[in-house]
Amino acid sequence: MALVVVPEAPLQPWLAALDAQMARSPSFFADRPVIANLSAIDDGGAELGAVLDALAFRELRIVGLEGIDPAALSGTGWERLPKLSQGRDLRSQIADDREVIVPAVAEPDPAAGMIAAPQPGRASLLIDRTVRSGQSIVFDEGDITVIGSVSSGAELIAGGSIHVYGSLRGRAIAGLRTGSTARIFCQKLLAELISIDGIYDLAEHWGDKRHGCAVQIRLERDHLKISPLG
């Protein structure tokens, strides 16, 4: 399941926001193919190469580029990467069985000279269909709500909480922005993996008592607590 990153100028505040996200969820990019959209960076070979070097230093696995003229990377060592076709929406550039929502990066606060703290719950994503196997829904601006079920092999990654009005299979990762205050709600817990604020749990750990039940999941003293709904 590929992710798209969209570096922005000035680069250092954007990298600081990326570092903060990776600190909150260290495995977020682990073994995930990443496509770098460089359309927001000045079209200069040295600067573009520096951006890609910074991503590689953070161990992001860059597999493709978009939004630039490939000739601009000549001599940087990155010209070998494939470039995706122009004139298409970012999500449509990924394979049809995947959906990627590009995370927005907080703007710098001129008064404080640092990244402004995001406001919890300022945005939400509503999905009114079943999330199919192989799809990855990434929305780090707030909550994800699914009016339907999440199939085995699918993945939800939210900056806030996750609400599933159906069966939750696959992976549910919450709290990338809101941290320990995030929760996961579902009508039927059948997930392979759940996570809040970087704390993970696997299906074999919560046993038959909660398996297949309507539950809410919250973080309590660095452990995930699964409680029945209602």
C-alpha atoms as a PDB file:
ATOM      1  CA  MET A   1       0.000   0.000   0.000  1.00  0.00           C
ATOM      2  CA  ALA A   2       1.728   3.175  -1.191  1.00  0.00           C
ATOM      3  CA  LEU A   3       1.798   6.527   0.571  1.00  0.00           C
ATOM      4  CA  VAL A   4       2.258   9.918  -1.070  1.00  0.00           C
ATOM      5  CA  VAL A   5       4.316  12.635   0.599  1.00  0.00           C
ATOM      6  CA  VAL A   6       4.173  16.232  -0.621  1.00  0.00           C
ATOM      7  CA  PRO A   7       7.154  18.229   0.690  1.00  0.00           C
ATOM      8  CA  GLU A   8       6.578  21.963   0.924  1.00  0.00           C
ATOM      9  CA  ALA A   9       8.786  25.038   1.094  1.00  0.00           C
ATOM     10  CA  PRO A  10      10.204  26.106   3.458  1.00  0.00           C
ATOM     11  CA  LEU A  11      11.502  22.592   3.836  1.00  0.00           C
ATOM     12  CA  GLN A  12      12.752  22.613   7.438  1.00  0.00           C
ATOM     13  CA  PRO A  13       9.325  23.225   9.069  1.00  0.00           C
ATOM     14  CA  TRP A  14       7.828  20.534   6.833  1.00  0.00           C
ATOM     15  CA  LEU A  15      10.558  18.065   7.829  1.00  0.00           C
ATOM     16  CA  ALA A  16      10.018  18.957  11.491  1.00  0.00           C
ATOM     17  CA  ALA A  17       6.318  18.103  11.111  1.00  0.00           C
ATOM     18  CA  LEU A  18       7.251  14.837   9.393  1.00  0.00           C
ATOM     19  CA  ASP A  19       9.674  14.003  12.206  1.00  0.00           C
ATOM     20  CA  ALA A  20       6.940  14.693  14.767  1.00  0.00           C
ATOM     21  CA  GLN A  21       4.541  12.343  12.988  1.00  0.00           C
ATOM     22  CA  MET A  22       7.180   9.622  12.776  1.00  0.00           C
ATOM     23  CA  ALA A  23       7.942  10.061  16.493  1.00  0.00           C
ATOM     24  CA  ARG A  24       4.258   9.608  17.335  1.00  0.00           C
ATOM     25  CA  SER A  25       3.996   6.488  15.214  1.00  0.00           C
ATOM     26  CA  PRO A  26       7.463   5.057  14.459  1.00  0.00           C
ATOM     27  CA  SER A  27       6.148   2.247  12.256  1.00  0.00           C
ATOM     28  CA  PHE A  28       3.920   4.494  10.119  1.00  0.00           C
ATOM     29  CA  PHE A  29       6.287   4.394   7.115  1.00  0.00           C
ATOM     30  CA  ALA A  30       7.927   1.065   7.937  1.00  0.00           C
ATOM     31  CA  ASP A  31       8.295  -1.063   4.793  1.00  0.00           C
ATOM     32  CA  ARG A  32       5.744   1.124   2.981  1.00  0.00           C
ATOM     33  CA  PRO A  33       6.430   2.246  -0.597  1.00  0.00           C
ATOM     34  CA  VAL A  34       6.405   6.046  -0.791  1.00  0.00           C
ATOM     35  CA  ILE A  35       5.778   8.312  -3.782  1.00  0.00           C
ATOM     36  CA  ALA A  36       7.286  11.808  -3.508  1.00  0.00           C
ATOM     37  CA  ASN A  37       5.273  14.614  -5.115  1.00  0.00           C
ATOM     38  CA  LEU A  38       7.734  17.492  -5.576  1.00  0.00           C
ATOM     39  CA  SER A  39       5.425  19.961  -7.310  1.00  0.00           C
ATOM     40  CA  ALA A  40       5.577  22.375  -4.345  1.00  0.00           C
ATOM     41  CA  ILE A  41       9.394  22.577  -4.390  1.00  0.00           C
ATOM     42  CA  ASP A  42      11.309  25.026  -6.581  1.00  0.00           C
ATOM     43  CA  ASP A  43      12.344  23.224  -9.741  1.00  0.00           C
ATOM     44  CA  GLY A  44      16.070  23.192  -9.111  1.00  0.00           C
ATOM     45  CA  GLY A  45      18.086  20.005  -9.240  1.00  0.00           C
ATOM     46  CA  ALA A  46      20.135  20.652  -6.103  1.00  0.00           C
ATOM     47  CA  GLU A  47      17.064  21.506  -3.992  1.00  0.00           C
ATOM     48  CA  LEU A  48      15.029  18.595  -5.318  1.00  0.00           C
ATOM     49  CA  GLY A  49      17.911  16.239  -4.656  1.00  0.00           C
ATOM     50  CA  ALA A  50      18.261  17.627  -1.123  1.00  0.00           C
ATOM     51  CA  VAL A  51      14.587  16.936  -0.451  1.00  0.00           C
ATOM     52  CA  LEU A  52      14.918  13.326  -1.580  1.00  0.00           C
ATOM     53  CA  ASP A  53      18.142  12.937   0.416  1.00  0.00           C
ATOM     54  CA  ALA A  54      16.299  14.167   3.519  1.00  0.00           C
ATOM     55  CA  LEU A  55      13.526  11.617   2.982  1.00  0.00           C
ATOM     56  CA  ALA A  56      16.027   8.821   2.407  1.00  0.00           C
ATOM     57  CA  PHE A  57      17.906   9.838   5.587  1.00  0.00           C
ATOM     58  CA  ARG A  58      14.605   9.188   7.445  1.00  0.00           C
ATOM     59  CA  GLU A  59      14.514   5.733   5.830  1.00  0.00           C
ATOM     60  CA  LEU A  60      11.474   6.406   3.665  1.00  0.00           C
ATOM     61  CA  ARG A  61      11.406   3.934   0.780  1.00  0.00           C
ATOM     62  CA  ILE A  62      10.958   6.211  -2.254  1.00  0.00           C
ATOM     63  CA  VAL A  63       9.717   4.200  -5.231  1.00  0.00           C
ATOM     64  CA  GLY A  64       8.484   6.932  -7.575  1.00  0.00           C
ATOM     65  CA  LEU A  65       8.202  10.656  -8.257  1.00  0.00           C
ATOM     66  CA  GLU A  66       5.587  13.028  -9.568  1.00  0.00           C
ATOM     67  CA  GLY A  67       5.069  16.720 -10.151  1.00  0.00           C
ATOM     68  CA  ILE A  68       8.504  17.466 -11.629  1.00  0.00           C
ATOM     69  CA  ASP A  69      10.475  17.385 -14.856  1.00  0.00           C
ATOM     70  CA  PRO A  70      12.734  14.302 -14.626  1.00  0.00           C
ATOM     71  CA  ALA A  71      15.529  16.268 -16.291  1.00  0.00           C
ATOM     72  CA  ALA A  72      15.725  18.467 -13.172  1.00  0.00           C
ATOM     73  CA  LEU A  73      17.165  15.518 -11.221  1.00  0.00           C
ATOM     74  CA  SER A  74      20.034  14.902 -13.610  1.00  0.00           C
ATOM     75  CA  GLY A  75      23.257  14.429 -11.695  1.00  0.00           C
ATOM     76  CA  THR A  76      21.592  14.091  -8.286  1.00  0.00           C
ATOM     77  CA  GLY A  77      21.571  10.292  -8.193  1.00  0.00           C
ATOM     78  CA  TRP A  78      17.757  10.258  -8.087  1.00  0.00           C
ATOM     79  CA  GLU A  79      17.099  10.381 -11.825  1.00  0.00           C
ATOM     80  CA  ARG A  80      16.741   6.569 -11.799  1.00  0.00           C
ATOM     81  CA  LEU A  81      13.365   6.748 -10.046  1.00  0.00           C
ATOM     82  CA  PRO A  82      10.273   6.367 -12.232  1.00  0.00           C
ATOM     83  CA  LYS A  83       8.074   9.445 -12.683  1.00  0.00           C
ATOM     84  CA  LEU A  84       4.290   9.051 -12.663  1.00  0.00           C
ATOM     85  CA  SER A  85       2.242  10.565 -15.464  1.00  0.00           C
ATOM     86  CA  GLN A  86       1.187  14.196 -15.184  1.00  0.00           C
ATOM     87  CA  GLY A  87      -2.293  15.671 -15.061  1.00  0.00           C
ATOM     88  CA  ARG A  88      -3.931  13.091 -12.788  1.00  0.00           C
ATOM     89  CA  ASP A  89      -5.192  13.316  -9.246  1.00  0.00           C
ATOM     90  CA  LEU A  90      -2.735  11.986  -6.654  1.00  0.00           C
ATOM     91  CA  ARG A  91      -5.063   9.217  -5.545  1.00  0.00           C
ATOM     92  CA  SER A  92      -5.673   7.999  -9.082  1.00  0.00           C
ATOM     93  CA  GLN A  93      -1.934   7.631  -9.628  1.00  0.00           C
ATOM     94  CA  ILE A  94      -1.890   4.756  -7.132  1.00  0.00           C
ATOM     95  CA  ALA A  95      -3.161   1.329  -8.168  1.00  0.00           C
ATOM     96  CA  ASP A  96      -6.959   1.029  -8.286  1.00  0.00           C
ATOM     97  CA  ASP A  97      -7.085  -1.161  -5.167  1.00  0.00           C
ATOM     98  CA  ARG A  98      -5.463   1.530  -3.021  1.00  0.00           C
ATOM     99  CA  GLU A  99      -6.612   4.913  -1.829  1.00  0.00           C
ATOM    100  CA  VAL A 100      -4.213   7.407  -0.322  1.00  0.00           C
ATOM    101  CA  ILE A 101      -5.224  10.715   1.238  1.00  0.00           C
ATOM    102  CA  VAL A 102      -2.216  12.960   1.437  1.00  0.00           C
ATOM    103  CA  PRO A 103      -1.617  14.189   5.000  1.00  0.00           C
ATOM    104  CA  ALA A 104      -1.527  17.969   5.432  1.00  0.00           C
ATOM    105  CA  VAL A 105       1.360  19.467   7.361  1.00  0.00           C
ATOM    106  CA  ALA A 106       0.821  22.059  10.068  1.00  0.00           C
ATOM    107  CA  GLU A 107       1.934  25.593   9.163  1.00  0.00           C
ATOM    108  CA  PRO A 108       4.700  27.283  11.202  1.00  0.00           C
ATOM    109  CA  ASP A 109       3.581  29.740  13.865  1.00  0.00           C
ATOM    110  CA  PRO A 110       5.483  33.012  13.177  1.00  0.00           C
ATOM    111  CA  ALA A 111       5.005  34.239  16.754  1.00  0.00           C
ATOM    112  CA  ALA A 112       6.342  31.121  18.389  1.00  0.00           C
ATOM    113  CA  GLY A 113       8.875  30.188  15.703  1.00  0.00           C
ATOM    114  CA  MET A 114       7.730  26.564  15.763  1.00  0.00           C
ATOM    115  CA  ILE A 115       5.118  24.238  14.299  1.00  0.00           C
ATOM    116  CA  ALA A 116       1.634  25.240  15.395  1.00  0.00           C
ATOM    117  CA  ALA A 117      -0.179  22.575  17.397  1.00  0.00           C
ATOM    118  CA  PRO A 118      -3.034  21.028  15.374  1.00  0.00           C
ATOM    119  CA  GLN A 119      -6.526  21.416  16.724  1.00  0.00           C
ATOM    120  CA  PRO A 120      -8.039  18.009  17.618  1.00  0.00           C
ATOM    121  CA  GLY A 121     -11.228  17.213  15.762  1.00  0.00           C
ATOM    122  CA  ARG A 122     -10.881  20.083  13.285  1.00  0.00           C
ATOM    123  CA  ALA A 123     -11.618  17.771  10.374  1.00  0.00           C
ATOM    124  CA  SER A 124     -13.126  14.399   9.635  1.00  0.00           C
ATOM    125  CA  LEU A 125     -13.362  11.995   6.747  1.00  0.00           C
ATOM    126  CA  LEU A 126     -16.633  10.167   6.037  1.00  0.00           C
ATOM    127  CA  ILE A 127     -16.521   7.006   3.913  1.00  0.00           C
ATOM    128  CA  ASP A 128     -19.978   5.766   2.952  1.00  0.00           C
ATOM    129  CA  ARG A 129     -18.941   2.445   1.492  1.00  0.00           C
ATOM    130  CA  THR A 130     -17.100  -0.736   2.404  1.00  0.00           C
ATOM    131  CA  VAL A 131     -13.331  -0.382   2.515  1.00  0.00           C
ATOM    132  CA  ARG A 132     -12.082  -3.179   0.297  1.00  0.00           C
ATOM    133  CA  SER A 133      -9.165  -5.508   0.872  1.00  0.00           C
ATOM    134  CA  GLY A 134      -5.924  -3.852  -0.205  1.00  0.00           C
ATOM    135  CA  GLN A 135      -7.168  -0.305   0.301  1.00  0.00           C
ATOM    136  CA  SER A 136      -5.306   2.076   2.604  1.00  0.00           C
ATOM    137  CA  ILE A 137      -7.214   5.110   3.904  1.00  0.00           C
ATOM    138  CA  VAL A 138      -4.842   7.677   5.387  1.00  0.00           C
ATOM    139  CA  PHE A 139      -6.259  10.868   6.976  1.00  0.00           C
ATOM    140  CA  ASP A 140      -4.056  12.454   9.609  1.00  0.00           C
ATOM    141  CA  GLU A 141      -6.113  15.646   9.981  1.00  0.00           C
ATOM    142  CA  GLY A 142      -8.781  14.108  12.212  1.00  0.00           C
ATOM    143  CA  ASP A 143     -11.288  11.276  12.559  1.00  0.00           C
ATOM    144  CA  ILE A 144     -12.218   8.608  10.033  1.00  0.00           C
ATOM    145  CA  THR A 145     -15.824   7.368   9.993  1.00  0.00           C
ATOM    146  CA  VAL A 146     -16.813   4.374   7.870  1.00  0.00           C
ATOM    147  CA  ILE A 147     -20.529   3.821   7.182  1.00  0.00           C
ATOM    148  CA  GLY A 148     -20.012   0.181   6.331  1.00  0.00           C
ATOM    149  CA  SER A 149     -17.391  -2.439   7.024  1.00  0.00           C
ATOM    150  CA  VAL A 150     -13.631  -2.685   6.669  1.00  0.00           C
ATOM    151  CA  SER A 151     -12.430  -5.791   4.851  1.00  0.00           C
ATOM    152  CA  SER A 152      -9.553  -8.071   5.792  1.00  0.00           C
ATOM    153  CA  GLY A 153      -6.322  -6.721   4.332  1.00  0.00           C
ATOM    154  CA  ALA A 154      -7.557  -3.107   4.407  1.00  0.00           C
ATOM    155  CA  GLU A 155      -6.096  -0.351   6.546  1.00  0.00           C
ATOM    156  CA  LEU A 156      -7.375   2.810   8.267  1.00  0.00           C
ATOM    157  CA  ILE A 157      -4.854   5.379   9.529  1.00  0.00           C
ATOM    158  CA  ALA A 158      -6.314   8.421  11.316  1.00  0.00           C
ATOM    159  CA  GLY A 159      -4.941  11.479  13.024  1.00  0.00           C
ATOM    160  CA  GLY A 160      -7.840  11.230  15.486  1.00  0.00           C
ATOM    161  CA  SER A 161     -10.368   8.528  16.287  1.00  0.00           C
ATOM    162  CA  ILE A 162     -11.789   5.780  14.067  1.00  0.00           C
ATOM    163  CA  HIS A 163     -15.517   4.960  13.904  1.00  0.00           C
ATOM    164  CA  VAL A 164     -16.708   1.908  11.960  1.00  0.00           C
ATOM    165  CA  TYR A 165     -20.461   1.289  11.690  1.00  0.00           C
ATOM    166  CA  GLY A 166     -19.968  -2.314  10.673  1.00  0.00           C
ATOM    167  CA  SER A 167     -17.318  -5.030  10.930  1.00  0.00           C
ATOM    168  CA  LEU A 168     -13.746  -3.912  11.475  1.00  0.00           C
ATOM    169  CA  ARG A 169     -11.218  -6.236   9.874  1.00  0.00           C
ATOM    170  CA  GLY A 170      -7.705  -5.432   8.704  1.00  0.00           C
ATOM    171  CA  ARG A 171      -5.693  -2.778  10.541  1.00  0.00           C
ATOM    172  CA  ALA A 172      -6.924   0.298  12.444  1.00  0.00           C
ATOM    173  CA  ILE A 173      -4.316   2.871  13.489  1.00  0.00           C
ATOM    174  CA  ALA A 174      -5.581   5.959  15.357  1.00  0.00           C
ATOM    175  CA  GLY A 175      -4.139   8.953  17.189  1.00  0.00           C
ATOM    176  CA  LEU A 176      -1.375  10.103  14.831  1.00  0.00           C
ATOM    177  CA  ARG A 177      -2.184  13.704  15.812  1.00  0.00           C
ATOM    178  CA  THR A 178      -4.420  13.578  18.876  1.00  0.00           C
ATOM    179  CA  GLY A 179      -2.327  10.938  20.630  1.00  0.00           C
ATOM    180  CA  SER A 180      -3.694   9.110  23.635  1.00  0.00           C
ATOM    181  CA  THR A 181      -7.111  10.819  23.509  1.00  0.00           C
ATOM    182  CA  ALA A 182      -8.052   8.970  20.314  1.00  0.00           C
ATOM    183  CA  ARG A 183     -10.397   5.992  20.375  1.00  0.00           C
ATOM    184  CA  ILE A 184     -11.512   3.237  18.030  1.00  0.00           C
ATOM    185  CA  PHE A 185     -15.206   2.283  17.835  1.00  0.00           C
ATOM    186  CA  CYS A 186     -16.698  -0.556  15.833  1.00  0.00           C
ATOM    187  CA  GLN A 187     -19.836  -2.692  15.716  1.00  0.00           C
ATOM    188  CA  LYS A 188     -17.904  -5.924  15.234  1.00  0.00           C
ATOM    189  CA  LEU A 189     -14.244  -6.327  16.179  1.00  0.00           C
ATOM    190  CA  LEU A 190     -12.527  -8.707  13.765  1.00  0.00           C
ATOM    191  CA  ALA A 191      -9.346  -6.689  13.229  1.00  0.00           C
ATOM    192  CA  GLU A 192      -5.890  -8.125  12.722  1.00  0.00           C
ATOM    193  CA  LEU A 193      -4.185  -5.162  14.397  1.00  0.00           C
ATOM    194  CA  ILE A 194      -5.294  -2.097  16.352  1.00  0.00           C
ATOM    195  CA  SER A 195      -3.180   0.854  17.460  1.00  0.00           C
ATOM    196  CA  ILE A 196      -3.621   4.148  19.311  1.00  0.00           C
ATOM    197  CA  ASP A 197      -0.762   6.645  19.644  1.00  0.00           C
ATOM    198  CA  GLY A 198       1.805   4.026  18.600  1.00  0.00           C
ATOM    199  CA  ILE A 199       0.645   1.351  21.093  1.00  0.00           C
ATOM    200  CA  TYR A 200      -0.271  -1.812  19.168  1.00  0.00           C
ATOM    201  CA  ASP A 201      -2.215  -4.960  19.886  1.00  0.00           C
ATOM    202  CA  LEU A 202      -2.895  -8.056  17.792  1.00  0.00           C
ATOM    203  CA  ALA A 203      -6.010 -10.196  17.490  1.00  0.00           C
ATOM    204  CA  GLU A 204      -4.506 -13.140  19.317  1.00  0.00           C
ATOM    205  CA  HIS A 205      -3.961 -10.982  22.410  1.00  0.00           C
ATOM    206  CA  TRP A 206      -7.552  -9.944  23.120  1.00  0.00           C
ATOM    207  CA  GLY A 207      -9.080 -13.410  22.770  1.00  0.00           C
ATOM    208  CA  ASP A 208     -12.584 -14.655  22.064  1.00  0.00           C
ATOM    209  CA  LYS A 209     -14.207 -12.541  24.770  1.00  0.00           C
ATOM    210  CA  ARG A 210     -14.041  -9.384  22.630  1.00  0.00           C
ATOM    211  CA  HIS A 211     -13.721 -10.974  19.198  1.00  0.00           C
ATOM    212  CA  GLY A 212     -16.776 -10.229  17.047  1.00  0.00           C
ATOM    213  CA  CYS A 213     -18.270  -7.821  19.605  1.00  0.00           C
ATOM    214  CA  ALA A 214     -19.279  -4.161  19.446  1.00  0.00           C
ATOM    215  CA  VAL A 215     -16.493  -2.362  21.296  1.00  0.00           C
ATOM    216  CA  GLN A 216     -14.664   0.839  21.991  1.00  0.00           C
ATOM    217  CA  ILE A 217     -10.890   0.834  22.326  1.00  0.00           C
ATOM    218  CA  ARG A 218      -8.939   3.436  24.261  1.00  0.00           C
ATOM    219  CA  LEU A 219      -5.444   3.898  25.613  1.00  0.00           C
ATOM    220  CA  GLU A 220      -5.087   3.502  29.364  1.00  0.00           C
ATOM    221  CA  ARG A 221      -1.688   3.586  31.083  1.00  0.00           C
ATOM    222  CA  ASP A 222       0.167   2.621  27.907  1.00  0.00           C
ATOM    223  CA  HIS A 223      -2.129  -0.356  27.288  1.00  0.00           C
ATOM    224  CA  LEU A 224      -5.090  -0.688  24.938  1.00  0.00           C
ATOM    225  CA  LYS A 225      -8.323  -1.312  26.796  1.00  0.00           C
ATOM    226  CA  ILE A 226     -11.187  -2.935  24.861  1.00  0.00           C
ATOM    227  CA  SER A 227     -14.631  -2.360  26.374  1.00  0.00           C
ATOM    228  CA  PRO A 228     -18.098  -3.394  25.165  1.00  0.00           C
ATOM    229  CA  LEU A 229     -20.323  -0.710  23.657  1.00  0.00           C
ATOM    230  CA  GLY A 230     -23.614  -0.034  25.379  1.00  0.00           C
END
